[in-house]
Amino acid sequence: QVQLVESGGGLVQAGGSLRLSCAASGRIFSISGMGWYRQAPGKQRELVASITSGGSTNYAVSVKGRFTISRDNAKNTVYLQMNSLKPEDAAVYYCRFVIDSYVYWGQGKQVTVSS
């Protein structure tokens, strides 16, 4: 059984920084894609950033230049460094892994940005 455990998040003032982590554990042969999504109240879940097994990254236009996604393959962990946070970044953030061709989601972490 595979589990994803997220950590980080919380409350920060606008302009501040937060870091999210998501670690996978269990029976894992290979992890291809890793990514972060977010969902604000009343809105659809949206892609924030993704990273391939080769390290290629992709970002939503709204976070480009402010957020950085990275991965540690040895730890089966993906990170999201969020800088210059804005009130509109507030949402529940979910990590998403593709492990052995199956999609797994983290439990979600609340990010709140005060203006």
N, C-alpha and C. Protein backbone atom coordinates (compact mmCIF):
# COMPACT_ATOMS: atom_id res chain seq x y z
N GLN A 1 0.85 -1.19 0.00
CA GLN A 1 0.00 0.00 0.00
C GLN A 1 0.89 1.25 0.00
N VAL A 2 0.54 2.19 -0.85
CA VAL A 2 1.31 3.42 -0.96
C VAL A 2 0.60 4.52 -0.20
N GLN A 3 1.37 5.32 0.50
CA GLN A 3 0.82 6.48 1.21
C GLN A 3 1.62 7.72 0.86
N LEU A 4 0.90 8.83 0.75
CA LEU A 4 1.54 10.12 0.59
C LEU A 4 1.25 10.94 1.83
N VAL A 5 2.27 11.51 2.41
CA VAL A 5 2.10 12.33 3.61
C VAL A 5 2.66 13.72 3.35
N GLU A 6 1.78 14.70 3.47
CA GLU A 6 2.18 16.08 3.26
C GLU A 6 2.55 16.75 4.57
N SER A 7 3.43 17.73 4.48
CA SER A 7 3.78 18.54 5.65
C SER A 7 4.05 19.96 5.18
N GLY A 8 4.01 20.87 6.13
CA GLY A 8 4.22 22.28 5.81
C GLY A 8 2.90 23.00 5.74
N GLY A 9 2.88 24.09 5.05
CA GLY A 9 1.67 24.90 4.95
C GLY A 9 1.45 25.72 6.20
N GLY A 10 0.27 26.31 6.29
CA GLY A 10 -0.05 27.13 7.46
C GLY A 10 -0.45 28.53 7.08
N LEU A 11 -0.24 29.44 8.01
CA LEU A 11 -0.64 30.84 7.84
C LEU A 11 0.59 31.72 7.65
N VAL A 12 0.50 32.61 6.68
CA VAL A 12 1.61 33.52 6.41
C VAL A 12 1.05 34.85 5.93
N GLN A 13 1.79 35.90 6.17
CA GLN A 13 1.38 37.20 5.66
C GLN A 13 1.72 37.31 4.18
N ALA A 14 0.99 38.13 3.49
CA ALA A 14 1.27 38.38 2.07
C ALA A 14 2.73 38.83 1.92
N GLY A 15 3.38 38.24 0.91
CA GLY A 15 4.79 38.52 0.69
C GLY A 15 5.72 37.53 1.36
N GLY A 16 5.16 36.70 2.22
CA GLY A 16 5.96 35.72 2.94
C GLY A 16 6.17 34.44 2.16
N SER A 17 6.79 33.48 2.82
CA SER A 17 7.15 32.22 2.18
C SER A 17 6.69 31.03 3.01
N LEU A 18 6.41 29.96 2.31
CA LEU A 18 6.09 28.68 2.94
C LEU A 18 6.68 27.57 2.08
N ARG A 19 6.88 26.43 2.72
CA ARG A 19 7.38 25.27 1.99
C ARG A 19 6.51 24.07 2.30
N LEU A 20 6.12 23.38 1.25
CA LEU A 20 5.35 22.15 1.37
C LEU A 20 6.24 20.96 1.00
N SER A 21 6.02 19.86 1.69
CA SER A 21 6.71 18.63 1.37
C SER A 21 5.68 17.52 1.24
N CYS A 22 6.00 16.53 0.45
CA CYS A 22 5.13 15.38 0.30
C CYS A 22 6.01 14.15 0.09
N ALA A 23 5.90 13.20 1.00
CA ALA A 23 6.73 12.01 0.93
C ALA A 23 5.87 10.78 0.68
N ALA A 24 6.35 9.94 -0.21
CA ALA A 24 5.67 8.69 -0.51
C ALA A 24 6.35 7.54 0.21
N SER A 25 5.54 6.63 0.70
CA SER A 25 6.09 5.44 1.36
C SER A 25 5.27 4.23 0.97
N GLY A 26 5.85 3.06 1.21
CA GLY A 26 5.16 1.82 0.87
C GLY A 26 5.89 1.09 -0.24
N ARG A 27 5.14 0.24 -0.92
CA ARG A 27 5.73 -0.57 -1.98
C ARG A 27 5.78 0.27 -3.26
N ILE A 28 6.95 0.76 -3.60
CA ILE A 28 7.13 1.65 -4.74
C ILE A 28 8.22 1.10 -5.64
N PHE A 29 7.86 0.93 -6.92
CA PHE A 29 8.86 0.51 -7.89
C PHE A 29 9.44 1.72 -8.62
N SER A 30 8.55 2.57 -9.09
CA SER A 30 9.04 3.76 -9.77
C SER A 30 8.03 4.89 -9.63
N ILE A 31 8.55 6.09 -9.52
CA ILE A 31 7.72 7.29 -9.48
C ILE A 31 8.01 8.09 -10.74
N SER A 32 7.01 8.32 -11.54
CA SER A 32 7.23 9.10 -12.73
C SER A 32 6.90 10.56 -12.44
N GLY A 33 5.68 10.94 -12.50
CA GLY A 33 5.33 12.33 -12.30
C GLY A 33 5.06 12.67 -10.85
N MET A 34 5.43 13.88 -10.49
CA MET A 34 5.09 14.44 -9.18
C MET A 34 4.53 15.83 -9.44
N GLY A 35 3.58 16.22 -8.63
CA GLY A 35 3.03 17.54 -8.84
C GLY A 35 2.28 18.07 -7.64
N TRP A 36 1.99 19.34 -7.71
CA TRP A 36 1.19 20.01 -6.68
C TRP A 36 -0.03 20.65 -7.34
N TYR A 37 -1.16 20.46 -6.70
CA TYR A 37 -2.41 21.06 -7.13
C TYR A 37 -2.96 21.86 -5.96
N ARG A 38 -3.89 22.74 -6.26
CA ARG A 38 -4.55 23.47 -5.17
C ARG A 38 -6.02 23.67 -5.49
N GLN A 39 -6.78 23.81 -4.42
CA GLN A 39 -8.22 24.04 -4.58
C GLN A 39 -8.66 25.06 -3.57
N ALA A 40 -9.17 26.17 -4.08
CA ALA A 40 -9.72 27.22 -3.22
C ALA A 40 -11.22 26.99 -3.09
N PRO A 41 -11.85 27.52 -2.06
CA PRO A 41 -13.29 27.33 -1.87
C PRO A 41 -14.08 27.80 -3.09
N GLY A 42 -14.97 26.94 -3.55
CA GLY A 42 -15.81 27.29 -4.68
C GLY A 42 -15.13 27.21 -6.03
N LYS A 43 -13.89 26.75 -6.06
CA LYS A 43 -13.16 26.67 -7.32
C LYS A 43 -12.73 25.25 -7.60
N GLN A 44 -12.40 24.99 -8.85
CA GLN A 44 -11.92 23.67 -9.22
C GLN A 44 -10.46 23.49 -8.81
N ARG A 45 -10.09 22.25 -8.63
CA ARG A 45 -8.70 21.96 -8.34
C ARG A 45 -7.87 22.29 -9.59
N GLU A 46 -6.73 22.93 -9.37
CA GLU A 46 -5.91 23.35 -10.49
C GLU A 46 -4.45 22.94 -10.27
N LEU A 47 -3.77 22.71 -11.37
CA LEU A 47 -2.36 22.39 -11.31
C LEU A 47 -1.57 23.63 -10.92
N VAL A 48 -0.66 23.45 -9.97
CA VAL A 48 0.24 24.53 -9.57
C VAL A 48 1.61 24.32 -10.21
N ALA A 49 2.15 23.13 -10.05
CA ALA A 49 3.46 22.84 -10.60
C ALA A 49 3.63 21.33 -10.71
N SER A 50 4.45 20.91 -11.65
CA SER A 50 4.74 19.49 -11.80
C SER A 50 6.20 19.31 -12.18
N ILE A 51 6.69 18.10 -11.91
CA ILE A 51 8.08 17.78 -12.24
C ILE A 51 8.14 16.33 -12.68
N THR A 52 8.86 16.10 -13.75
CA THR A 52 8.97 14.74 -14.28
C THR A 52 10.12 14.00 -13.60
N SER A 53 10.22 12.73 -13.93
CA SER A 53 11.32 11.93 -13.38
C SER A 53 12.67 12.45 -13.83
N GLY A 54 12.69 13.10 -14.97
CA GLY A 54 13.93 13.67 -15.48
C GLY A 54 14.24 15.05 -14.96
N GLY A 55 13.30 15.61 -14.20
CA GLY A 55 13.53 16.91 -13.61
C GLY A 55 12.93 18.08 -14.37
N SER A 56 12.24 17.82 -15.45
CA SER A 56 11.59 18.91 -16.18
C SER A 56 10.40 19.43 -15.38
N THR A 57 10.28 20.73 -15.33
CA THR A 57 9.24 21.35 -14.52
C THR A 57 8.24 22.12 -15.36
N ASN A 58 7.05 22.28 -14.78
CA ASN A 58 6.00 23.03 -15.43
C ASN A 58 5.25 23.79 -14.34
N TYR A 59 4.91 25.04 -14.61
CA TYR A 59 4.25 25.87 -13.61
C TYR A 59 3.01 26.54 -14.17
N ALA A 60 2.04 26.74 -13.32
CA ALA A 60 0.92 27.58 -13.68
C ALA A 60 1.43 29.01 -13.87
N VAL A 61 0.82 29.71 -14.78
CA VAL A 61 1.27 31.07 -15.07
C VAL A 61 1.22 31.94 -13.81
N SER A 62 0.22 31.71 -12.99
CA SER A 62 0.01 32.55 -11.82
C SER A 62 1.10 32.41 -10.75
N VAL A 63 1.87 31.33 -10.80
CA VAL A 63 2.90 31.11 -9.77
C VAL A 63 4.31 31.15 -10.32
N LYS A 64 4.43 31.24 -11.63
CA LYS A 64 5.75 31.20 -12.24
C LYS A 64 6.61 32.35 -11.73
N GLY A 65 7.83 32.01 -11.36
CA GLY A 65 8.74 33.01 -10.83
C GLY A 65 8.65 33.18 -9.33
N ARG A 66 7.60 32.65 -8.72
CA ARG A 66 7.43 32.76 -7.27
C ARG A 66 7.53 31.39 -6.58
N PHE A 67 7.07 30.34 -7.23
CA PHE A 67 7.08 29.00 -6.66
C PHE A 67 8.14 28.16 -7.36
N THR A 68 8.71 27.24 -6.60
CA THR A 68 9.70 26.31 -7.15
C THR A 68 9.39 24.90 -6.69
N ILE A 69 9.27 24.01 -7.65
CA ILE A 69 9.04 22.59 -7.34
C ILE A 69 10.36 21.86 -7.48
N SER A 70 10.60 20.93 -6.58
CA SER A 70 11.82 20.12 -6.64
C SER A 70 11.51 18.73 -6.09
N ARG A 71 12.38 17.80 -6.36
CA ARG A 71 12.15 16.43 -5.89
C ARG A 71 13.46 15.83 -5.40
N ASP A 72 13.33 14.95 -4.44
CA ASP A 72 14.46 14.16 -3.93
C ASP A 72 14.10 12.71 -4.19
N ASN A 73 14.67 12.15 -5.22
CA ASN A 73 14.31 10.79 -5.61
C ASN A 73 14.68 9.76 -4.54
N ALA A 74 15.78 10.00 -3.85
CA ALA A 74 16.22 9.06 -2.82
C ALA A 74 15.23 8.99 -1.67
N LYS A 75 14.52 10.09 -1.44
CA LYS A 75 13.55 10.15 -0.35
C LYS A 75 12.12 10.04 -0.83
N ASN A 76 11.92 9.85 -2.12
CA ASN A 76 10.56 9.79 -2.68
C ASN A 76 9.73 10.99 -2.24
N THR A 77 10.34 12.15 -2.32
CA THR A 77 9.73 13.36 -1.78
C THR A 77 9.73 14.47 -2.82
N VAL A 78 8.66 15.22 -2.82
CA VAL A 78 8.56 16.41 -3.66
C VAL A 78 8.33 17.61 -2.76
N TYR A 79 8.88 18.73 -3.16
CA TYR A 79 8.78 19.96 -2.39
C TYR A 79 8.15 21.06 -3.24
N LEU A 80 7.55 22.00 -2.56
CA LEU A 80 7.07 23.20 -3.22
C LEU A 80 7.47 24.39 -2.35
N GLN A 81 8.43 25.15 -2.83
CA GLN A 81 8.84 26.37 -2.16
C GLN A 81 7.99 27.51 -2.71
N MET A 82 7.28 28.18 -1.83
CA MET A 82 6.37 29.24 -2.25
C MET A 82 6.84 30.56 -1.66
N ASN A 83 7.24 31.45 -2.53
CA ASN A 83 7.71 32.78 -2.12
C ASN A 83 6.77 33.86 -2.62
N SER A 84 6.89 35.03 -2.03
CA SER A 84 6.05 36.17 -2.43
C SER A 84 4.59 35.79 -2.50
N LEU A 85 4.12 35.14 -1.47
CA LEU A 85 2.75 34.65 -1.45
C LEU A 85 1.75 35.78 -1.48
N LYS A 86 0.66 35.53 -2.18
CA LYS A 86 -0.42 36.50 -2.33
C LYS A 86 -1.70 35.92 -1.72
N PRO A 87 -2.64 36.76 -1.34
CA PRO A 87 -3.91 36.25 -0.79
C PRO A 87 -4.59 35.28 -1.75
N GLU A 88 -4.45 35.47 -3.04
CA GLU A 88 -5.08 34.57 -4.00
C GLU A 88 -4.41 33.21 -4.08
N ASP A 89 -3.28 33.03 -3.42
CA ASP A 89 -2.64 31.72 -3.35
C ASP A 89 -3.26 30.84 -2.26
N ALA A 90 -4.10 31.41 -1.44
CA ALA A 90 -4.71 30.65 -0.35
C ALA A 90 -5.59 29.54 -0.91
N ALA A 91 -5.38 28.35 -0.41
CA ALA A 91 -6.10 27.17 -0.90
C ALA A 91 -5.64 25.96 -0.11
N VAL A 92 -6.28 24.84 -0.36
CA VAL A 92 -5.76 23.56 0.11
C VAL A 92 -4.87 23.02 -1.00
N TYR A 93 -3.64 22.69 -0.64
CA TYR A 93 -2.66 22.20 -1.59
C TYR A 93 -2.53 20.68 -1.48
N TYR A 94 -2.58 20.02 -2.61
CA TYR A 94 -2.50 18.57 -2.68
C TYR A 94 -1.30 18.15 -3.53
N CYS A 95 -0.56 17.16 -3.05
CA CYS A 95 0.46 16.59 -3.90
C CYS A 95 -0.15 15.42 -4.67
N ARG A 96 0.43 15.16 -5.79
CA ARG A 96 -0.05 14.08 -6.68
C ARG A 96 1.16 13.38 -7.24
N PHE A 97 1.18 12.06 -7.06
CA PHE A 97 2.28 11.24 -7.58
C PHE A 97 1.71 10.23 -8.58
N VAL A 98 2.50 9.92 -9.58
CA VAL A 98 2.20 8.78 -10.43
C VAL A 98 3.23 7.71 -10.07
N ILE A 99 2.74 6.67 -9.42
CA ILE A 99 3.61 5.60 -8.91
C ILE A 99 3.19 4.29 -9.56
N ASP A 100 4.13 3.72 -10.29
CA ASP A 100 3.85 2.43 -10.96
C ASP A 100 2.56 2.53 -11.78
N SER A 101 2.41 3.66 -12.44
CA SER A 101 1.29 3.93 -13.35
C SER A 101 -0.04 4.22 -12.64
N TYR A 102 -0.02 4.27 -11.33
CA TYR A 102 -1.22 4.64 -10.59
C TYR A 102 -1.07 6.06 -10.03
N VAL A 103 -2.20 6.74 -9.90
CA VAL A 103 -2.21 8.11 -9.39
C VAL A 103 -2.58 8.09 -7.91
N TYR A 104 -1.78 8.77 -7.12
CA TYR A 104 -2.02 8.89 -5.68
C TYR A 104 -2.05 10.37 -5.30
N TRP A 105 -2.91 10.67 -4.33
CA TRP A 105 -3.04 12.05 -3.85
C TRP A 105 -2.68 12.12 -2.37
N GLY A 106 -2.10 13.26 -2.00
CA GLY A 106 -1.88 13.54 -0.59
C GLY A 106 -3.18 13.98 0.07
N GLN A 107 -3.11 14.15 1.38
CA GLN A 107 -4.32 14.45 2.14
C GLN A 107 -4.71 15.93 2.07
N GLY A 108 -3.81 16.75 1.59
CA GLY A 108 -4.10 18.18 1.48
C GLY A 108 -3.58 18.97 2.66
N LYS A 109 -3.05 20.15 2.37
CA LYS A 109 -2.56 21.05 3.41
C LYS A 109 -3.10 22.45 3.15
N GLN A 110 -3.62 23.05 4.19
CA GLN A 110 -4.18 24.39 4.06
C GLN A 110 -3.07 25.42 4.02
N VAL A 111 -3.14 26.31 3.07
CA VAL A 111 -2.26 27.48 3.01
C VAL A 111 -3.16 28.71 3.10
N THR A 112 -2.91 29.54 4.09
CA THR A 112 -3.68 30.75 4.29
C THR A 112 -2.74 31.94 4.20
N VAL A 113 -3.13 32.92 3.42
CA VAL A 113 -2.30 34.11 3.22
C VAL A 113 -3.11 35.33 3.65
N SER A 114 -2.62 36.01 4.65
CA SER A 114 -3.32 37.20 5.14
C SER A 114 -2.79 38.45 4.44
N SER A 115 -3.70 39.36 4.18
CA SER A 115 -3.30 40.58 3.46
C SER A 115 -2.95 41.71 4.42
